[in-house]
Protein backbone atom coordinates (compact mmCIF):
# COMPACT_ATOMS: atom_id res chain seq x y z
CA MET A 1 -15.02 12.76 -10.36
CA ASN A 2 -16.57 15.79 -8.45
CA LEU A 3 -14.09 16.45 -5.83
CA ASN A 4 -15.70 18.92 -4.37
CA ILE A 5 -13.70 22.08 -3.48
CA LYS A 6 -15.31 24.28 -5.88
CA GLU A 7 -15.03 28.03 -4.16
CA LYS A 8 -12.78 26.88 -1.74
CA VAL A 9 -9.52 29.15 -1.85
CA ALA A 10 -5.65 28.14 -2.14
CA ILE A 11 -2.47 29.63 -1.99
CA VAL A 12 -0.09 28.11 -3.85
CA THR A 13 4.27 29.00 -3.74
CA GLY A 14 6.53 28.06 -6.72
CA ALA A 15 4.12 28.56 -8.83
CA SER A 16 5.06 30.15 -12.01
CA LYS A 17 6.71 26.70 -13.14
CA GLY A 18 7.33 23.15 -12.96
CA MET A 19 4.94 21.24 -10.44
CA GLY A 20 3.66 24.50 -9.10
CA LEU A 21 2.37 25.87 -12.12
CA SER A 22 0.40 22.66 -12.60
CA THR A 23 -1.42 22.01 -9.27
CA VAL A 24 -2.19 25.43 -10.25
CA GLU A 25 -4.04 24.41 -13.54
CA SER A 26 -5.38 21.46 -11.43
CA LEU A 27 -6.59 23.00 -8.99
CA ALA A 28 -8.87 25.24 -10.67
CA GLN A 29 -9.83 23.59 -13.29
CA ASN A 30 -11.44 22.19 -10.03
CA GLY A 31 -13.16 25.55 -9.37
CA VAL A 32 -11.10 26.86 -6.79
CA LYS A 33 -9.38 30.18 -6.35
CA VAL A 34 -5.78 30.47 -6.64
CA MET A 35 -3.19 32.82 -5.09
CA MET A 36 -0.17 31.77 -7.10
CA VAL A 37 3.28 33.42 -4.98
CA SER A 38 6.53 33.67 -7.21
CA ARG A 39 9.57 35.41 -7.70
CA ASN A 40 9.09 35.49 -11.35
CA ARG A 41 6.85 38.21 -11.78
CA LYS A 42 7.00 38.23 -15.83
CA ASN A 43 6.13 34.59 -15.38
CA LEU A 44 3.13 35.05 -12.67
CA VAL A 45 1.33 37.49 -14.99
CA SER A 46 1.53 35.35 -18.18
CA ALA A 47 0.42 32.69 -16.48
CA SER A 48 -2.18 34.44 -14.47
CA ASP A 49 -3.72 36.35 -17.73
CA ASN A 50 -3.78 33.00 -19.26
CA PHE A 51 -5.68 31.08 -16.45
CA ASN A 52 -8.19 33.91 -16.14
CA ASN A 53 -9.10 34.46 -19.90
CA LYS A 54 -10.39 30.25 -19.43
CA GLY A 55 -12.68 31.64 -16.84
CA TYR A 56 -10.88 30.41 -13.52
CA GLU A 57 -10.09 32.74 -10.78
CA VAL A 58 -6.63 33.18 -10.13
CA ASP A 59 -4.59 36.24 -8.80
CA TYR A 60 -0.83 35.93 -8.01
CA ALA A 61 1.76 37.90 -5.14
CA VAL A 62 5.27 38.28 -5.94
CA GLY A 63 7.80 36.94 -3.41
CA ASP A 64 10.67 35.25 -2.26
CA VAL A 65 9.41 32.50 -0.10
CA SER A 66 12.68 32.78 1.37
CA ASP A 67 11.08 36.29 2.99
CA GLN A 68 10.59 35.52 6.29
CA ASN A 69 7.67 38.30 5.93
CA LEU A 70 5.99 36.77 2.82
CA PRO A 71 3.32 34.27 4.22
CA LYS A 72 1.95 36.78 6.43
CA LYS A 73 1.91 39.07 3.45
CA VAL A 74 0.24 37.00 1.12
CA VAL A 75 -2.39 35.54 3.05
CA ALA A 76 -3.26 38.57 4.28
CA LYS A 77 -3.76 39.68 0.72
CA THR A 78 -5.69 36.79 -0.12
CA LEU A 79 -7.91 37.17 2.71
CA LYS A 80 -8.89 40.67 1.79
CA LYS A 81 -9.73 39.24 -2.40
CA TRP A 82 -10.96 36.08 -1.42
CA GLY A 83 -11.85 36.32 2.44
CA SER A 84 -10.68 32.24 3.12
CA VAL A 85 -7.55 30.43 2.74
CA ASP A 86 -8.56 26.86 3.29
CA ILE A 87 -6.04 24.99 0.75
CA LEU A 88 -2.02 25.66 1.04
CA ILE A 89 0.50 24.27 -1.35
CA ASN A 90 4.26 24.48 -0.35
CA ASN A 91 6.65 24.66 -3.03
CA ALA A 92 9.53 25.48 -3.49
CA GLY A 93 13.18 24.90 -6.12
CA GLY A 94 15.18 22.12 -4.97
CA PRO A 95 19.32 22.71 -3.85
CA PRO A 96 22.04 22.22 -5.53
CA PHE A 97 23.99 18.99 -6.21
CA GLY A 98 27.02 18.60 -3.88
CA ARG A 99 28.61 16.79 -0.61
CA LEU A 100 28.94 17.31 3.15
CA GLU A 101 32.63 18.69 1.99
CA GLU A 102 31.32 21.03 -0.73
CA ILE A 103 29.08 22.63 1.21
CA ASP A 104 29.54 25.70 2.90
CA GLU A 105 27.66 27.34 5.96
CA GLN A 106 25.33 30.01 3.49
CA VAL A 107 24.28 27.51 1.75
CA TRP A 108 23.21 25.57 4.30
CA GLN A 109 21.36 28.18 5.54
CA GLU A 110 19.63 29.20 2.47
CA THR A 111 18.51 25.65 1.82
CA ILE A 112 16.64 25.29 5.20
CA GLU A 113 15.36 29.13 5.18
CA THR A 114 13.82 28.27 1.32
CA ASN A 115 13.09 24.80 1.62
CA LEU A 116 11.79 24.24 5.43
CA MET A 117 11.36 27.37 7.13
CA SER A 118 9.09 28.40 4.14
CA VAL A 119 7.04 25.69 5.00
CA ILE A 120 6.90 26.18 9.00
CA ARG A 121 6.16 30.09 8.47
CA PHE A 122 3.41 29.73 5.64
CA THR A 123 1.83 26.48 7.89
CA LYS A 124 1.58 28.71 10.95
CA SER A 125 0.11 31.56 8.79
CA VAL A 126 -2.57 29.60 7.45
CA ILE A 127 -3.43 27.46 10.53
CA PRO A 128 -5.39 29.96 12.84
CA HIS A 129 -7.83 30.10 9.32
CA MET A 130 -7.76 26.48 9.28
CA LYS A 131 -9.30 26.22 12.57
CA LYS A 132 -11.68 28.48 12.17
CA CYS A 133 -13.47 26.81 8.88
CA ASN A 134 -12.89 23.43 10.83
CA TRP A 135 -11.47 22.41 7.26
CA GLY A 136 -7.80 23.01 5.63
CA ARG A 137 -5.82 20.73 3.59
CA ILE A 138 -1.85 21.45 3.56
CA ILE A 139 0.57 19.77 0.91
CA SER A 140 4.03 20.31 0.37
CA ILE A 141 6.21 18.79 -2.35
CA THR A 142 9.13 17.96 -1.04
CA SER A 143 11.37 14.56 -2.86
CA THR A 144 11.96 10.67 -2.36
CA LEU A 145 14.95 12.00 -1.23
CA ALA A 146 13.12 12.69 2.01
CA ILE A 147 12.58 9.15 2.04
CA GLU A 148 16.61 7.38 0.29
CA PRO A 149 18.95 10.21 0.90
CA SER A 150 21.30 10.87 -1.60
CA PRO A 151 24.89 11.70 -0.17
CA SER A 152 25.34 13.96 -3.64
CA MET A 153 22.80 15.73 -2.62
CA ILE A 154 22.78 15.95 0.69
CA LEU A 155 21.25 19.88 0.93
CA SER A 156 18.04 18.54 -0.19
CA SER A 157 17.70 14.95 1.89
CA THR A 158 18.22 17.17 4.64
CA ALA A 159 15.86 19.38 4.21
CA ARG A 160 13.17 17.65 2.82
CA ALA A 161 13.34 14.67 5.27
CA ALA A 162 12.53 17.87 8.31
CA VAL A 163 9.54 18.95 6.19
CA GLY A 164 8.11 15.44 6.55
CA ALA A 165 8.82 15.03 10.41
CA PHE A 166 7.19 18.65 10.74
CA THR A 167 4.11 17.63 8.77
CA LYS A 168 3.57 13.97 10.59
CA ALA A 169 4.16 15.97 14.07
CA LEU A 170 1.21 19.13 13.35
CA SER A 171 -0.95 16.60 11.44
CA ILE A 172 -1.91 14.95 14.82
CA GLU A 173 -2.14 18.13 16.66
CA VAL A 174 -4.39 19.26 14.12
CA ALA A 175 -6.39 16.30 12.66
CA SER A 176 -10.03 16.73 15.04
CA LYS A 177 -9.73 20.42 13.32
CA ASN A 178 -10.51 18.36 10.01
CA ILE A 179 -7.46 19.38 8.98
CA SER A 180 -5.18 17.18 6.94
CA ILE A 181 -1.51 17.92 6.41
CA ASN A 182 0.19 16.04 3.65
CA VAL A 183 3.53 15.90 1.98
CA ILE A 184 4.22 14.42 -2.03
CA CYS A 185 8.03 13.05 -2.95
CA PRO A 186 8.03 12.56 -6.34
CA GLY A 187 10.39 11.00 -7.97
CA GLY A 188 11.85 12.29 -11.53
CA VAL A 189 9.33 14.71 -13.12
CA LEU A 190 10.16 16.56 -16.31
CA THR A 191 10.85 20.01 -15.33
CA GLU A 192 13.29 22.73 -16.43
CA ARG A 193 14.41 21.67 -12.41
CA LEU A 194 15.18 18.06 -13.31
CA LYS A 195 16.89 18.67 -16.56
CA ASN A 196 19.17 21.21 -14.96
CA LEU A 197 19.66 18.36 -11.93
CA LEU A 198 20.97 16.13 -15.15
CA LYS A 199 22.90 19.05 -16.91
CA THR A 200 25.40 19.50 -13.57
CA ARG A 201 25.48 15.32 -13.33
CA SER A 202 26.58 15.37 -16.97
CA GLU A 203 29.13 17.98 -16.24
CA ARG A 204 30.32 16.70 -13.27
CA GLU A 205 30.97 13.21 -14.29
CA ASN A 206 31.81 14.04 -17.92
CA VAL A 207 28.88 11.86 -19.32
CA ASN A 208 26.51 13.16 -22.07
CA PHE A 209 23.75 14.62 -21.42
CA LYS A 210 21.54 13.23 -24.01
CA GLU A 211 22.20 9.70 -22.44
CA LEU A 212 22.06 10.50 -19.87
CA ILE A 213 18.35 11.39 -19.77
CA ILE A 214 18.00 7.81 -21.27
CA GLU A 215 19.81 6.08 -18.43
CA SER A 216 17.76 7.66 -16.28
CA GLU A 217 14.80 6.79 -17.70
CA LYS A 218 15.30 2.95 -17.29
CA SER A 219 16.70 3.71 -14.02
CA ILE A 220 12.98 3.86 -13.22
CA PRO A 221 10.56 0.69 -13.53
CA ALA A 222 7.77 2.67 -14.95
CA GLY A 223 10.69 3.58 -18.15
CA ARG A 224 9.64 7.26 -17.93
CA PHE A 225 9.82 10.42 -15.90
CA ALA A 226 6.19 12.03 -14.48
CA GLN A 227 4.76 15.04 -16.13
CA PRO A 228 4.35 17.56 -13.80
CA SER A 229 0.16 17.87 -14.66
CA GLU A 230 -0.10 13.78 -12.83
CA ILE A 231 1.65 15.91 -9.62
CA GLY A 232 -0.95 18.46 -9.83
CA ASN A 233 -3.53 16.18 -10.22
CA ILE A 234 -2.73 13.92 -7.27
CA ILE A 235 -2.61 17.11 -5.40
CA SER A 236 -5.70 18.25 -6.15
CA PHE A 237 -7.32 14.42 -4.91
CA LEU A 238 -5.77 15.42 -1.52
CA CYS A 239 -7.16 18.09 -1.06
CA SER A 240 -10.75 17.11 -1.99
CA GLU A 241 -13.49 15.56 0.70
CA LYS A 242 -12.90 11.84 -0.83
CA ALA A 243 -9.81 12.00 0.44
CA ALA A 244 -10.30 13.79 3.59
CA TYR A 245 -9.02 10.37 5.84
CA ILE A 246 -5.37 10.63 4.22
CA ASN A 247 -3.21 12.26 7.15
CA GLY A 248 0.58 13.10 7.74
CA VAL A 249 1.85 11.00 5.09
CA SER A 250 4.78 10.94 2.96
CA LEU A 251 3.56 9.71 -0.53
CA ALA A 252 6.25 8.88 -3.19
CA VAL A 253 4.82 9.72 -6.36
CA ASP A 254 8.07 8.04 -8.34
CA GLY A 255 7.08 5.03 -10.95
CA SER A 256 8.13 2.25 -8.18
CA LEU A 257 11.77 4.22 -8.09
CA ILE A 258 12.19 4.04 -4.41
CA LYS A 259 13.17 0.34 -2.80
CA SER A 260 11.71 1.49 0.24
CA PHE A 261 8.40 0.30 1.81
C-alpha cells in the first residue's frame, strides 16, 4: 500500500527503543525523513547508523522530553536539516505503579512534565509550521489506561487521559488546516517497559514472573501481546493521506482488551 508520505519529515520522541523505535523504522520504510529524540545517546547513535546504512534518512537529537526547552531545539535542528516538520509522534515512557496514597508530589510533577507537558510543548512547537504548509499529522502514544483507568496505575491513567482531552480539543481547531491529531492507546505491547512493569507487579504481589506473563496474555482476548512493529505500522497509516479524515480520535490498539466502546 502506497501511503503517499515519501519525503515527509517526522520527529519521533522516545525513539531509541520499543514502540518509538519501531515507529521510526515503519516511517523510514515509507520514505519519511525522521529526527529521533531520546535521552539515550548510545542507543540513538546505534539505531541511526543502522537505519542510514539501510538507505533511510534518519538523524537524532539527545534530550529529555520533560525539558521545556527541548521541543524548540529539536524543531530548529529538524528545520535546518530538512526544511520542514510534517509529522510529530509523541512517545514517552510511562510512570511507575502506585496508588494515590503511595505517590508523593514530586512524582506527580515529574509525570505531568514527561507525559503531558511534553506532548503540549512539542505540539505547540510544530503547529505553526504545519499550518503554514496546510498539512500535518500529530500522533501521541498513550495507553488503554486513558480509557479504562486503574487505581494502581493512577499516575499513567491521569496523565494519559489528559493527552486525549488535549488532542480532541486541538483537533477541532486545526482540522480545517488539513492537520490531524490522534492518540494511539496500546494495550499490552511486548517491550522492556511492559516486562519491567510485570516484574514490579510480580514483586508487589509475590507471584512468579513467568506465570504472570502467561496469565496476562490469557487476559487478552487475542491471546497475546502486540509486537512494537504493529503499533509502528498503525501510526504510519494514520500519517498517510488514506487516513486524512480520522481526526481527534483515541484509538485502542489492544487485542480487544478493554471493555468500553
